[in-house]
């Protein structure tokens, strides 16, 4: 009966608080991202400056994520999340100060950019702890039989924030500028902290027999588990390499300004289109879970992602570009639901934080390092050729993974829903 209850996970109040925080934090970070990206491109005129935003966040995030997963398995989760949010609030406050005209007037452009990237790096450190901790906490807020449904609704709230955040970011930036946008971000992060404060503390689960007590041994155990669990390894590898090459989000300001000519408001709509497609698809997944034939559906979804990316690269019309981005988000959302269900169901409780941290590293590699790759490729190859190249590489990755993982087509996860 749980499989037919599309609202099952939402019946748990603490889970609603957690995903409400996910929604607000996603809005905050994307408003901040839109405002910073447009401002930096306006100041520098260089697409590489957009890629460096992703690199500045990815390097510290990847450096800390494994340790963050270790902390998530060994420490009280709510306290870790609140500490991470406090650091994010500090970094956003620094960005707001740097946005003040009187402060910028006393700094060279080079120094101002360096301080912006430093504050973004601090955000990356905080996310390195927050991401695996919040993901592992979700499994303690709902019963195991609702993990798949919880993954669906968590993704829905993330996508809702990914829709509202960029649209709001475009209009807020156009109306209030960089400084006003960052003040809104600060207010939203405070709201996230208040939601998380209403969740009861969750002590770390007891270590299993033979679970290593040392930090490095514990980290190696998490990596060893991922490497030897093929469905997890292939699922997160497929996502990492496809989005690493096929992502276009980081260079959307270039399309908005130079190719489509739609300005910051149009950039907001472009940035939101993938999330609109994703959220609508995820809502369908709540009633028709895609995990029955999980591996087939995952490969088809990433194949569709690559085709839609190629469609976007070749488009010179705003609404056709919107449609292509909508399809990108729709296909990506199916892979997210399948992957998150696998990551909730397969790992044991005492390893879930470390497994989530490995997944976070893969995601960051695909998103933030992918953003750097997009900016660098756009500078070296040109904007449109770089996206065509990325779409082609995504299709190559899908073909390679399909050949190596055909035995996983037999996996059925319906009974977990």
Protein backbone atom coordinates (compact mmCIF):
# COMPACT_ATOMS: atom_id res chain seq x y z
CA UNK A 1 0.00 0.00 0.00
CA UNK A 2 2.93 2.37 0.69
CA UNK A 3 3.78 2.36 -3.00
CA UNK A 4 0.42 3.91 -3.90
CA UNK A 5 0.59 6.62 -1.21
CA UNK A 6 2.19 9.48 -3.13
CA UNK A 7 2.15 11.72 -0.01
CA UNK A 8 3.61 9.14 2.38
CA UNK A 9 6.83 10.95 3.30
CA UNK A 10 5.06 14.31 3.68
CA UNK A 11 3.08 12.94 6.62
CA UNK A 12 6.18 13.26 8.83
CA UNK A 13 6.54 16.85 10.18
CA UNK A 14 10.32 16.80 10.62
CA UNK A 15 10.76 15.61 7.05
CA UNK A 16 8.62 18.56 5.93
CA UNK A 17 10.91 20.90 7.88
CA UNK A 18 13.99 19.41 6.25
CA UNK A 19 12.71 19.69 2.68
CA UNK A 20 11.32 23.15 3.42
CA UNK A 21 14.88 24.10 4.36
CA UNK A 22 16.12 22.50 1.15
CA UNK A 23 13.68 24.68 -0.80
CA UNK A 24 14.71 27.95 0.88
CA UNK A 25 18.43 27.20 0.74
CA UNK A 26 18.21 26.29 -2.94
CA UNK A 27 16.41 29.58 -3.63
CA UNK A 28 19.06 31.48 -1.67
CA UNK A 29 22.06 29.90 -3.37
CA UNK A 30 20.60 30.27 -6.86
CA UNK A 31 19.60 33.91 -6.33
CA UNK A 32 23.18 34.46 -5.21
CA UNK A 33 24.55 32.50 -8.17
CA UNK A 34 22.49 34.41 -10.74
CA UNK A 35 23.42 37.79 -9.27
CA UNK A 36 27.12 37.01 -8.98
CA UNK A 37 27.35 35.40 -12.43
CA UNK A 38 25.66 38.29 -14.21
CA UNK A 39 27.68 40.88 -12.29
CA UNK A 40 30.99 39.15 -12.93
CA UNK A 41 30.27 38.72 -16.63
CA UNK A 42 29.18 42.37 -16.85
CA UNK A 43 32.42 43.48 -15.18
CA UNK A 44 34.84 41.17 -17.01
CA UNK A 45 33.12 40.20 -20.27
CA UNK A 46 34.95 36.85 -19.96
CA UNK A 47 33.07 33.50 -19.78
CA UNK A 48 36.01 32.05 -17.87
CA UNK A 49 35.06 34.28 -14.92
CA UNK A 50 31.81 32.30 -14.73
CA UNK A 51 33.65 28.99 -14.77
CA UNK A 52 35.89 30.19 -11.94
CA UNK A 53 32.79 30.60 -9.74
CA UNK A 54 32.23 26.85 -10.01
CA UNK A 55 35.92 26.05 -9.49
CA UNK A 56 36.15 28.28 -6.40
CA UNK A 57 33.29 26.37 -4.78
CA UNK A 58 34.18 22.89 -6.03
CA UNK A 59 37.78 22.67 -4.82
CA UNK A 60 37.05 23.21 -1.09
CA UNK A 61 33.80 21.24 -1.34
CA UNK A 62 35.55 18.19 -2.78
CA UNK A 63 38.42 18.60 -0.32
CA UNK A 64 36.08 18.49 2.68
CA UNK A 65 33.19 16.30 1.51
CA UNK A 66 34.67 12.94 2.59
CA UNK A 67 35.42 14.34 6.03
CA UNK A 68 31.91 15.81 6.06
CA UNK A 69 30.50 12.34 5.41
CA UNK A 70 32.63 10.95 8.24
CA UNK A 71 31.24 13.62 10.59
CA UNK A 72 27.69 12.87 9.42
CA UNK A 73 28.16 9.21 10.42
CA UNK A 74 29.82 9.99 13.78
CA UNK A 75 28.22 13.24 15.06
CA UNK A 76 24.78 14.63 15.82
CA UNK A 77 23.38 15.66 12.46
CA UNK A 78 21.22 18.67 13.30
CA UNK A 79 24.11 20.44 15.04
CA UNK A 80 26.35 19.88 12.02
CA UNK A 81 23.75 21.34 9.68
CA UNK A 82 23.24 24.41 11.87
CA UNK A 83 27.01 25.00 12.11
CA UNK A 84 27.30 24.74 8.32
CA UNK A 85 24.47 27.23 7.86
CA UNK A 86 26.23 29.66 10.23
CA UNK A 87 29.36 29.54 8.04
CA UNK A 88 27.25 30.04 4.90
CA UNK A 89 25.58 33.04 6.53
CA UNK A 90 29.01 34.51 7.30
CA UNK A 91 30.20 34.03 3.71
CA UNK A 92 27.05 35.59 2.27
CA UNK A 93 27.45 38.56 4.61
CA UNK A 94 31.01 39.05 3.34
CA UNK A 95 29.69 39.00 -0.25
CA UNK A 96 27.05 41.59 0.66
CA UNK A 97 29.75 43.87 2.11
CA UNK A 98 31.89 43.45 -1.02
CA UNK A 99 28.87 44.45 -3.13
CA UNK A 100 28.65 47.87 -1.46
CA UNK A 101 29.70 50.66 -3.88
CA UNK A 102 31.83 52.38 -1.23
CA UNK A 103 33.76 49.16 -0.60
CA UNK A 104 34.22 48.38 -4.30
CA UNK A 105 35.50 51.90 -4.93
CA UNK A 106 38.52 51.22 -2.70
CA UNK A 107 39.43 47.89 -4.33
CA UNK A 108 40.99 47.07 -7.68
CA UNK A 109 38.96 44.83 -9.95
CA UNK A 110 41.49 42.02 -9.47
CA UNK A 111 41.37 42.23 -5.67
CA UNK A 112 37.58 42.51 -5.67
CA UNK A 113 37.27 39.37 -7.82
CA UNK A 114 39.74 37.50 -5.61
CA UNK A 115 37.72 38.33 -2.49
CA UNK A 116 34.49 37.27 -4.22
CA UNK A 117 36.03 33.90 -5.13
CA UNK A 118 37.38 33.51 -1.58
CA UNK A 119 33.91 34.01 -0.10
CA UNK A 120 32.53 31.48 -2.59
CA UNK A 121 35.23 29.04 -1.47
CA UNK A 122 34.04 29.43 2.13
CA UNK A 123 30.55 28.51 0.94
CA UNK A 124 32.07 25.42 -0.65
CA UNK A 125 33.64 24.35 2.65
CA UNK A 126 30.30 24.71 4.42
CA UNK A 127 28.48 22.71 1.75
CA UNK A 128 31.08 19.97 2.11
CA UNK A 129 29.66 19.24 5.55
CA UNK A 130 26.04 20.25 5.01
CA UNK A 131 25.36 18.20 1.88
CA UNK A 132 26.18 14.67 3.11
CA UNK A 133 24.75 15.44 6.56
CA UNK A 134 21.37 16.64 5.28
CA UNK A 135 21.15 13.73 2.83
CA UNK A 136 21.90 11.15 5.52
CA UNK A 137 19.53 12.83 8.02
CA UNK A 138 16.60 12.30 5.64
CA UNK A 139 16.82 8.54 6.14
CA UNK A 140 16.23 9.01 9.90
CA UNK A 141 13.08 11.12 9.45
CA UNK A 142 10.94 8.60 7.52
CA UNK A 143 10.54 4.80 7.70
CA UNK A 144 12.61 2.71 5.31
CA UNK A 145 9.61 1.73 3.19
CA UNK A 146 9.14 5.42 2.28
CA UNK A 147 12.75 6.14 1.21
CA UNK A 148 11.85 6.24 -2.48
CA UNK A 149 8.92 8.57 -1.84
CA UNK A 150 11.12 10.76 0.38
CA UNK A 151 13.73 11.00 -2.41
CA UNK A 152 10.98 12.10 -4.81
CA UNK A 153 9.65 14.85 -2.55
CA UNK A 154 13.11 16.02 -1.54
CA UNK A 155 13.98 16.37 -5.22
CA UNK A 156 10.66 18.15 -5.83
CA UNK A 157 11.44 20.79 -3.20
CA UNK A 158 14.95 21.20 -4.56
CA UNK A 159 13.56 21.66 -8.06
CA UNK A 160 10.89 24.10 -6.83
CA UNK A 161 13.69 26.20 -5.37
CA UNK A 162 15.63 25.80 -8.61
CA UNK A 163 12.63 27.24 -10.47
CA UNK A 164 11.85 30.15 -8.18
CA UNK A 165 15.45 31.01 -7.30
CA UNK A 166 16.75 31.92 -10.77
CA UNK A 167 13.55 33.72 -11.83
CA UNK A 168 13.55 35.68 -8.59
CA UNK A 169 17.31 36.19 -8.89
CA UNK A 170 17.00 37.71 -12.36
CA UNK A 171 14.27 40.15 -11.35
CA UNK A 172 15.81 40.98 -7.96
CA UNK A 173 19.18 41.67 -9.59
CA UNK A 174 17.52 43.83 -12.25
CA UNK A 175 15.63 45.79 -9.58
CA UNK A 176 17.96 45.86 -6.57
CA UNK A 177 21.39 45.12 -7.98
CA UNK A 178 23.99 42.80 -6.51
CA UNK A 179 23.81 44.21 -2.98
CA UNK A 180 20.03 43.92 -2.68
CA UNK A 181 20.12 40.38 -4.06
CA UNK A 182 22.65 39.30 -1.42
CA UNK A 183 20.56 40.78 1.41
CA UNK A 184 17.66 38.62 0.26
CA UNK A 185 20.00 35.61 0.32
CA UNK A 186 20.98 36.35 3.93
CA UNK A 187 17.32 36.51 5.00
CA UNK A 188 16.58 33.16 3.33
CA UNK A 189 19.52 31.41 5.03
CA UNK A 190 18.25 32.65 8.39
CA UNK A 191 14.86 31.10 7.52
CA UNK A 192 16.55 27.76 6.76
CA UNK A 193 18.27 27.79 10.13
CA UNK A 194 14.94 28.33 11.90
CA UNK A 195 13.38 25.36 10.11
CA UNK A 196 16.28 23.06 10.94
CA UNK A 197 16.17 24.17 14.59
CA UNK A 198 12.70 22.55 14.83
CA UNK A 199 14.07 19.07 14.04
CA UNK A 200 14.91 16.92 17.05
CA UNK A 201 18.60 16.00 17.49
CA UNK A 202 19.57 12.70 15.84
CA UNK A 203 22.52 10.98 17.55
CA UNK A 204 24.84 9.02 15.29
CA UNK A 205 23.88 5.34 14.89
CA UNK A 206 26.09 2.88 16.81
CA UNK A 207 29.07 1.62 14.89
CA UNK A 208 28.78 -1.87 13.45
CA UNK A 209 31.13 -4.65 14.53
CA UNK A 210 34.41 -4.15 12.74
CA UNK A 211 33.62 -0.55 11.79
CA UNK A 212 37.01 1.27 11.92
CA UNK A 213 37.37 3.98 14.56
CA UNK A 214 40.18 5.98 12.93
CA UNK A 215 39.36 8.81 10.54
CA UNK A 216 41.36 7.60 7.53
CA UNK A 217 40.32 3.99 7.99
CA UNK A 218 36.67 5.07 8.17
CA UNK A 219 37.02 7.17 5.01
CA UNK A 220 38.66 4.28 3.18
CA UNK A 221 35.81 2.01 4.23
CA UNK A 222 33.27 4.37 2.64
CA UNK A 223 35.28 4.58 -0.59
CA UNK A 224 35.76 0.81 -0.65
CA UNK A 225 32.02 0.25 -0.25
CA UNK A 226 31.19 2.56 -3.17
CA UNK A 227 33.88 1.04 -5.39
CA UNK A 228 32.62 -2.48 -4.75
CA UNK A 229 28.88 -1.76 -5.03
CA UNK A 230 28.50 -1.56 -8.80
CA UNK A 231 24.99 -0.09 -8.94
CA UNK A 232 26.11 2.85 -6.79
CA UNK A 233 29.45 3.30 -8.55
CA UNK A 234 27.94 3.27 -12.04
CA UNK A 235 24.96 5.45 -11.10
CA UNK A 236 27.03 8.29 -9.67
CA UNK A 237 29.73 7.92 -12.37
CA UNK A 238 27.13 8.20 -15.12
CA UNK A 239 25.77 11.40 -13.59
CA UNK A 240 29.21 12.90 -13.03
CA UNK A 241 30.60 12.43 -16.53
CA UNK A 242 27.41 13.32 -18.40
CA UNK A 243 26.85 16.59 -16.51
CA UNK A 244 30.59 17.37 -16.43
CA UNK A 245 30.63 17.52 -20.21
CA UNK A 246 26.98 18.30 -21.00
CA UNK A 247 26.15 21.02 -18.46
CA UNK A 248 25.27 24.44 -19.86
CA UNK A 249 24.02 26.28 -16.77
CA UNK A 250 27.28 28.09 -15.99
CA UNK A 251 27.47 29.82 -19.38
CA UNK A 252 23.79 30.74 -19.67
CA UNK A 253 24.69 34.41 -19.07
CA UNK A 254 26.66 34.29 -22.34
CA UNK A 255 23.63 32.88 -24.20
CA UNK A 256 21.32 35.42 -22.57
CA UNK A 257 23.55 38.40 -23.34
CA UNK A 258 25.32 37.58 -26.61
CA UNK A 259 23.31 34.90 -28.47
CA UNK A 260 19.65 35.34 -27.51
CA UNK A 261 19.82 38.98 -26.37
CA UNK A 262 17.29 38.62 -23.54
CA UNK A 263 19.10 40.34 -20.63
CA UNK A 264 19.03 39.40 -16.91
CA UNK A 265 15.26 38.80 -16.87
CA UNK A 266 15.59 36.36 -19.77
CA UNK A 267 18.53 34.73 -17.99
CA UNK A 268 16.24 34.06 -15.03
CA UNK A 269 13.75 32.26 -17.30
CA UNK A 270 16.51 30.30 -19.03
CA UNK A 271 17.99 29.26 -15.68
CA UNK A 272 14.57 28.18 -14.39
CA UNK A 273 13.47 26.20 -17.45
CA UNK A 274 15.40 23.03 -16.51
CA UNK A 275 13.93 23.14 -13.02
CA UNK A 276 10.37 23.54 -14.35
CA UNK A 277 10.82 20.43 -16.48
CA UNK A 278 12.42 18.62 -13.57
CA UNK A 279 9.74 19.45 -11.03
CA UNK A 280 6.84 18.50 -13.29
CA UNK A 281 8.57 15.21 -14.10
CA UNK A 282 9.33 14.51 -10.44
CA UNK A 283 5.68 15.06 -9.51
CA UNK A 284 4.77 12.42 -12.08
CA UNK A 285 7.42 10.16 -10.52
CA UNK A 286 5.62 10.42 -7.15
CA UNK A 287 2.70 8.52 -8.70
CA UNK A 288 4.63 6.49 -11.30
CA UNK A 289 8.06 5.70 -9.78
CA UNK A 290 10.79 5.15 -12.40
CA UNK A 291 12.64 2.58 -10.25
CA UNK A 292 10.79 -0.52 -11.48
CA UNK A 293 13.30 -0.92 -14.33
CA UNK A 294 15.83 1.36 -12.71
CA UNK A 295 18.91 0.90 -14.87
CA UNK A 296 17.11 1.03 -18.21
CA UNK A 297 15.29 4.21 -17.17
CA UNK A 298 18.48 5.79 -15.85
CA UNK A 299 20.34 5.25 -19.13
CA UNK A 300 17.39 6.48 -21.21
CA UNK A 301 17.13 9.60 -19.05
CA UNK A 302 20.81 10.49 -19.51
CA UNK A 303 20.52 9.77 -23.25
CA UNK A 304 17.63 12.25 -23.42
CA UNK A 305 19.74 14.75 -21.45
CA UNK A 306 22.45 14.61 -24.12
CA UNK A 307 20.03 14.97 -27.03
CA UNK A 308 18.29 17.95 -25.40
CA UNK A 309 21.67 19.59 -24.74
CA UNK A 310 22.53 19.31 -28.43
CA UNK A 311 19.14 20.87 -29.27
CA UNK A 312 19.91 23.81 -26.97
CA UNK A 313 23.36 24.31 -28.47
CA UNK A 314 21.96 24.68 -31.98
CA UNK A 315 18.99 26.89 -31.07
CA UNK A 316 18.98 30.61 -31.85
CA UNK A 317 15.38 31.21 -30.72
CA UNK A 318 14.51 32.02 -27.11
CA UNK A 319 11.46 29.75 -26.79
CA UNK A 320 13.16 26.82 -28.51
CA UNK A 321 16.04 27.26 -26.07
CA UNK A 322 13.54 27.28 -23.20
CA UNK A 323 12.00 24.03 -24.52
CA UNK A 324 15.41 22.36 -24.78
CA UNK A 325 16.32 23.39 -21.23
CA UNK A 326 12.91 22.11 -20.05
CA UNK A 327 13.74 18.68 -21.54
CA UNK A 328 17.21 18.76 -19.98
CA UNK A 329 15.63 19.22 -16.56
CA UNK A 330 12.96 16.57 -17.17
CA UNK A 331 15.53 13.94 -18.12
CA UNK A 332 17.90 14.91 -15.31
CA UNK A 333 15.12 14.63 -12.70
CA UNK A 334 14.44 10.99 -13.57
CA UNK A 335 18.09 10.13 -13.02
CA UNK A 336 18.07 12.06 -9.73
CA UNK A 337 15.08 10.13 -8.35
CA UNK A 338 16.58 6.77 -9.34
CA UNK A 339 20.04 7.62 -8.00
CA UNK A 340 18.77 9.04 -4.70
CA UNK A 341 16.57 6.00 -4.11
CA UNK A 342 19.57 3.72 -4.68
CA UNK A 343 21.67 5.79 -2.27
CA UNK A 344 18.99 5.64 0.44
CA UNK A 345 18.12 1.95 0.06
CA UNK A 346 21.41 0.19 -0.59
CA UNK A 347 23.96 1.49 2.01
CA UNK A 348 23.69 0.41 5.68
CA UNK A 349 22.87 3.11 8.24
CA UNK A 350 26.40 3.36 9.65
CA UNK A 351 27.87 4.02 6.19
CA UNK A 352 25.18 6.22 4.65
CA UNK A 353 26.87 9.55 5.45
CA UNK A 354 30.16 8.46 3.90
CA UNK A 355 28.42 7.07 0.81
CA UNK A 356 26.49 10.34 0.48
CA UNK A 357 29.74 12.27 0.78
CA UNK A 358 31.24 10.29 -2.12
CA UNK A 359 28.09 11.03 -4.10
CA UNK A 360 28.43 14.71 -3.16
CA UNK A 361 31.97 14.73 -4.54
CA UNK A 362 30.77 13.24 -7.81
CA UNK A 363 27.91 15.77 -8.00
CA UNK A 364 30.24 18.66 -7.26
CA UNK A 365 32.69 17.39 -9.85
CA UNK A 366 29.91 17.35 -12.43
CA UNK A 367 28.28 20.65 -11.43
CA UNK A 368 30.97 23.02 -10.14
CA UNK A 369 33.94 21.55 -12.03
CA UNK A 370 31.59 21.15 -14.98
CA UNK A 371 30.89 24.88 -14.69
CA UNK A 372 34.63 25.55 -14.90
CA UNK A 373 34.92 23.18 -17.88
CA UNK A 374 32.02 24.98 -19.58
CA UNK A 375 33.59 28.40 -19.10
CA UNK A 376 37.03 27.23 -20.23
CA UNK A 377 35.65 25.35 -23.26
CA UNK A 378 33.54 28.36 -24.25
CA UNK A 379 36.63 30.54 -24.15
CA UNK A 380 38.77 28.09 -26.16
CA UNK A 381 36.23 26.68 -28.63
CA UNK A 382 33.52 29.33 -28.70
CA UNK A 383 30.24 29.16 -26.84
CA UNK A 384 28.12 27.09 -29.25
CA UNK A 385 30.86 24.64 -30.34
CA UNK A 386 31.70 23.95 -26.69
CA UNK A 387 28.10 22.93 -25.93
CA UNK A 388 27.92 20.76 -29.06
CA UNK A 389 31.12 19.03 -27.93
CA UNK A 390 29.69 18.51 -24.44
CA UNK A 391 26.47 16.98 -25.78
CA UNK A 392 28.45 14.59 -27.98
CA UNK A 393 30.61 13.50 -25.03
CA UNK A 394 27.47 12.84 -22.97
CA UNK A 395 26.18 10.47 -25.63
CA UNK A 396 29.56 8.71 -25.72
CA UNK A 397 29.47 8.28 -21.92
CA UNK A 398 25.99 6.73 -22.04
CA UNK A 399 27.11 4.24 -24.67
CA UNK A 400 30.20 3.29 -22.68
CA UNK A 401 28.30 2.77 -19.43
CA UNK A 402 25.60 0.75 -21.21
CA UNK A 403 28.21 -1.70 -22.53
CA UNK A 404 29.78 -2.19 -19.09
CA UNK A 405 26.57 -2.50 -17.04
CA UNK A 406 24.08 -4.56 -19.03
CA UNK A 407 23.67 -7.00 -16.15
CA UNK A 408 22.13 -4.18 -14.07
CA UNK A 409 19.07 -4.14 -16.36
CA UNK A 410 17.78 -7.00 -14.20
CA UNK A 411 17.67 -4.82 -11.06
CA UNK A 412 14.15 -4.19 -9.74
CA UNK A 413 13.48 -1.73 -6.92
CA UNK A 414 9.68 -1.56 -6.93
CA UNK A 415 9.47 -3.25 -3.54
CA UNK A 416 11.40 -0.38 -1.98
CA UNK A 417 8.78 2.21 -2.95
